[in-house]
Amino acid sequence: MMRKFSDKYLSLLNGEYASLNLTRINEPEEFYQKQIIDSILPLDLFKDFQNDIEKGLHLDIGFGGGFPLLPLAYKFPSTQFVGFEARRKKSDAVNEIAQKLGLKNVKTFHYRIETVRIDRPCSISFKAVGKIKEFLKKINLAEPATVYFYKGPSVHELEETSEKIANFRKFIDQPYGLSGAQGRTFVAYRSDIVPRGTKKPLVNLSQLL
């Protein structure tokens, strides 16, 4: 089933959405391994990740061509997935692709994460975007959240991964292998406390659900 999903997904990216360059990987097997399997493999390796997603609300930030947002949504049809993307064309395109793939549990929005007040308990993922410390400091929490980062093998050489950053404490920092690609590192932080409200003009997550 995952293979069929992958093939249909790639046909859309290479077809009517080709002009947007949503993926640089155009060969079916490579796309399956490096985009689809790369998105879902942590579910099998890190049970906390799977358990958090199964709680019912997951946010994916900076999803680009839809990764890991759409593969995760396909795996968990009962979970509500919300994607935030700074580029409107990508957000609109991935929203359309989700519908064409039959994913009725996905909504995407053209917002930066720092402009959203997260007022519902949720899990959050970042894949191949920005640095851990920078993004943890941008998250405006009014409810508890767990944040998962898909990172490359050199993450500790390139950026700070302290045990505590802002209002978050690290609880996963683990390398793992991926067939046909460089290794990966999965890093996760859990909110330590619920911060007080901010004076910034923000959109509430609950308004978008």
Protein backbone atom coordinates (compact mmCIF):
# COMPACT_ATOMS: atom_id res chain seq x y z
CA MET A 1 0.00 0.00 0.00
CA MET A 2 2.81 2.43 0.84
CA ARG A 3 4.43 1.72 -2.51
CA LYS A 4 1.24 2.58 -4.39
CA PHE A 5 0.92 5.77 -2.38
CA SER A 6 4.52 6.63 -3.25
CA ASP A 7 4.02 6.03 -6.97
CA LYS A 8 0.85 8.14 -7.12
CA TYR A 9 2.50 10.90 -5.11
CA LEU A 10 5.53 10.99 -7.40
CA SER A 11 3.36 11.00 -10.52
CA LEU A 12 1.67 14.17 -9.26
CA LEU A 13 5.00 15.82 -8.42
CA ASN A 14 6.45 14.93 -11.81
CA GLY A 15 3.23 15.77 -13.63
CA GLU A 16 0.98 18.75 -13.06
CA TYR A 17 3.12 20.09 -10.18
CA ALA A 18 6.50 19.66 -11.89
CA SER A 19 7.00 23.40 -12.41
CA LEU A 20 7.08 23.95 -8.62
CA ASN A 21 10.11 21.67 -8.11
CA LEU A 22 8.64 20.10 -4.98
CA THR A 23 11.20 17.27 -5.09
CA ARG A 24 14.61 16.85 -6.69
CA ILE A 25 14.21 13.06 -6.61
CA ASN A 26 12.36 11.84 -9.70
CA GLU A 27 13.18 8.12 -9.87
CA PRO A 28 10.51 5.89 -8.23
CA GLU A 29 12.74 3.68 -6.05
CA GLU A 30 14.91 6.54 -4.87
CA PHE A 31 11.82 8.65 -4.13
CA TYR A 32 10.30 5.78 -2.16
CA GLN A 33 13.42 5.36 -0.01
CA LYS A 34 14.56 8.96 0.43
CA GLN A 35 11.19 10.70 0.73
CA ILE A 36 8.56 8.19 1.84
CA ILE A 37 10.56 5.72 3.96
CA ASP A 38 12.69 8.57 5.30
CA SER A 39 9.46 10.22 6.52
CA ILE A 40 7.96 7.17 8.25
CA LEU A 41 10.95 5.10 9.44
CA PRO A 42 11.19 6.94 12.80
CA LEU A 43 7.73 5.62 13.64
CA ASP A 44 9.15 2.09 13.87
CA LEU A 45 12.32 3.15 15.67
CA PHE A 46 10.94 5.59 18.24
CA LYS A 47 7.68 4.55 19.89
CA ASP A 48 7.28 7.91 21.62
CA PHE A 49 6.93 9.47 18.17
CA GLN A 50 4.22 7.03 17.12
CA ASN A 51 2.41 7.33 20.44
CA ASP A 52 2.38 11.13 20.26
CA ILE A 53 1.00 11.16 16.72
CA GLU A 54 -1.72 8.72 17.72
CA LYS A 55 -2.95 11.22 20.33
CA GLY A 56 -4.75 13.03 17.54
CA LEU A 57 -3.05 16.29 16.47
CA HIS A 58 0.29 16.67 14.71
CA LEU A 59 1.90 19.76 13.17
CA ASP A 60 4.56 19.63 10.46
CA ILE A 61 6.60 22.79 9.96
CA GLY A 62 8.29 23.78 6.70
CA PHE A 63 7.06 20.70 4.84
CA GLY A 64 8.22 21.83 1.38
CA GLY A 65 6.97 19.17 -1.04
CA GLY A 66 4.92 17.51 1.69
CA PHE A 67 7.49 15.56 3.72
CA PRO A 68 7.01 14.10 6.26
CA LEU A 69 3.49 15.57 6.40
CA LEU A 70 1.71 13.49 3.77
CA PRO A 71 3.38 10.11 4.39
CA LEU A 72 2.61 10.46 8.11
CA ALA A 73 -0.98 11.45 7.36
CA TYR A 74 -1.37 8.40 5.14
CA LYS A 75 -0.14 6.15 7.94
CA PHE A 76 -2.46 7.71 10.54
CA PRO A 77 -5.85 8.48 8.96
CA SER A 78 -7.45 9.10 12.38
CA THR A 79 -4.96 11.84 13.34
CA GLN A 80 -5.44 15.44 12.27
CA PHE A 81 -2.37 16.84 10.52
CA VAL A 82 -1.69 20.54 10.07
CA GLY A 83 1.18 21.83 7.96
CA PHE A 84 2.74 25.29 8.11
CA GLU A 85 4.86 26.49 5.19
CA ALA A 86 6.42 29.91 4.62
CA ARG A 87 5.96 29.67 0.83
CA ARG A 88 2.37 30.09 -0.27
CA LYS A 89 2.73 28.24 -3.59
CA LYS A 90 4.06 25.17 -1.81
CA SER A 91 1.38 25.31 0.85
CA ASP A 92 -1.40 25.57 -1.73
CA ALA A 93 0.09 22.84 -3.93
CA VAL A 94 0.56 20.35 -1.10
CA ASN A 95 -2.98 20.99 0.10
CA GLU A 96 -4.24 20.08 -3.40
CA ILE A 97 -1.97 17.04 -3.58
CA ALA A 98 -3.26 15.80 -0.23
CA GLN A 99 -6.81 15.92 -1.56
CA LYS A 100 -5.82 14.10 -4.75
CA LEU A 101 -4.15 11.40 -2.67
CA GLY A 102 -7.37 10.98 -0.67
CA LEU A 103 -5.94 12.40 2.56
CA LYS A 104 -8.90 14.04 4.25
CA ASN A 105 -7.02 14.52 7.53
CA VAL A 106 -4.61 17.22 6.24
CA LYS A 107 -4.78 21.01 6.24
CA THR A 108 -1.93 23.27 5.17
CA PHE A 109 -1.45 26.97 5.86
CA HIS A 110 0.83 29.75 4.68
CA TYR A 111 2.14 30.77 8.11
CA ARG A 112 5.49 30.92 9.81
CA ILE A 113 5.49 28.98 13.07
CA GLU A 114 6.44 32.06 15.11
CA THR A 115 3.12 33.68 14.11
CA VAL A 116 1.02 30.81 15.52
CA ARG A 117 0.00 30.38 19.16
CA ILE A 118 -0.21 26.66 19.84
CA ASP A 119 -3.21 26.45 22.13
CA ARG A 120 -3.89 22.72 21.73
CA PRO A 121 -1.73 19.83 23.00
CA CYS A 122 0.09 18.35 20.00
CA SER A 123 3.24 16.86 18.55
CA ILE A 124 5.36 18.79 16.05
CA SER A 125 7.90 17.77 13.41
CA PHE A 126 10.62 19.60 11.51
CA LYS A 127 12.44 17.86 8.65
CA ALA A 128 15.52 19.39 7.04
CA VAL A 129 14.63 22.96 7.96
CA GLY A 130 16.57 25.41 10.13
CA LYS A 131 18.41 24.77 13.36
CA ILE A 132 16.97 23.11 16.43
CA LYS A 133 17.73 25.94 18.86
CA GLU A 134 16.33 28.62 16.56
CA PHE A 135 13.05 26.82 15.98
CA LEU A 136 12.46 25.81 19.58
CA LYS A 137 12.74 29.47 20.53
CA LYS A 138 10.16 30.42 17.88
CA ILE A 139 7.44 28.10 19.14
CA ASN A 140 4.72 29.94 21.10
CA LEU A 141 3.13 27.44 23.45
CA ALA A 142 -0.04 27.77 25.46
CA GLU A 143 -0.34 23.98 25.81
CA PRO A 144 2.22 21.15 26.13
CA ALA A 145 3.96 19.92 22.98
CA THR A 146 6.61 17.45 21.91
CA VAL A 147 8.91 18.46 19.05
CA TYR A 148 10.69 15.99 16.75
CA PHE A 149 13.56 16.87 14.41
CA TYR A 150 14.66 14.79 11.42
CA LYS A 151 18.37 15.59 11.10
CA GLY A 152 21.45 14.47 9.22
CA PRO A 153 24.40 12.53 10.68
CA SER A 154 26.47 15.67 11.36
CA VAL A 155 23.88 17.55 13.39
CA HIS A 156 26.08 17.76 16.50
CA GLU A 157 28.94 19.27 14.52
CA LEU A 158 26.73 21.87 12.85
CA GLU A 159 24.43 23.11 15.59
CA GLU A 160 23.63 23.20 19.28
CA THR A 161 21.64 20.31 20.73
CA SER A 162 21.73 21.10 24.44
CA GLU A 163 19.81 19.06 26.97
CA LYS A 164 17.62 22.10 27.66
CA ILE A 165 16.70 24.81 25.17
CA ALA A 166 14.18 27.53 26.01
CA ASN A 167 11.22 25.72 27.62
CA PHE A 168 12.12 22.30 26.21
CA ARG A 169 14.10 19.32 27.48
CA LYS A 170 15.69 16.75 25.18
CA PHE A 171 14.62 13.12 25.51
CA ILE A 172 15.71 11.55 22.21
CA ASP A 173 19.06 11.98 20.42
CA GLN A 174 19.70 8.89 18.35
CA PRO A 175 21.44 8.12 15.04
CA TYR A 176 19.97 5.51 12.70
CA GLY A 177 20.48 4.16 9.19
CA LEU A 178 18.46 4.68 6.01
CA SER A 179 18.86 2.43 2.96
CA GLY A 180 20.55 4.16 0.04
CA ALA A 181 21.29 7.36 1.95
CA GLN A 182 23.54 8.88 4.55
CA GLY A 183 22.66 8.16 8.14
CA ARG A 184 20.07 10.15 10.02
CA THR A 185 19.74 11.49 13.55
CA PHE A 186 16.42 11.83 15.34
CA VAL A 187 16.29 14.49 18.05
CA ALA A 188 13.25 15.23 20.22
CA TYR A 189 12.34 17.75 22.89
CA ARG A 190 9.39 17.85 25.28
CA SER A 191 8.03 21.13 26.66
CA ASP A 192 9.22 21.56 30.21
CA ILE A 193 6.57 24.10 31.21
CA VAL A 194 3.73 25.93 29.53
CA PRO A 195 4.96 29.49 28.98
CA ARG A 196 2.87 32.53 29.74
CA GLY A 197 1.00 34.33 26.99
CA THR A 198 2.78 36.57 24.53
CA LYS A 199 1.98 40.13 23.54
CA LYS A 200 2.67 39.38 19.88
CA PRO A 201 -0.36 39.35 17.53
CA LEU A 202 -0.69 35.66 16.78
CA VAL A 203 -3.23 33.37 15.15
CA ASN A 204 -4.45 30.62 17.49
CA LEU A 205 -4.00 27.07 16.26
CA SER A 206 -7.53 26.25 17.42
CA GLN A 207 -8.88 28.79 14.94
CA LEU A 208 -7.41 26.81 12.06
CA LEU A 209 -8.65 23.33 13.00
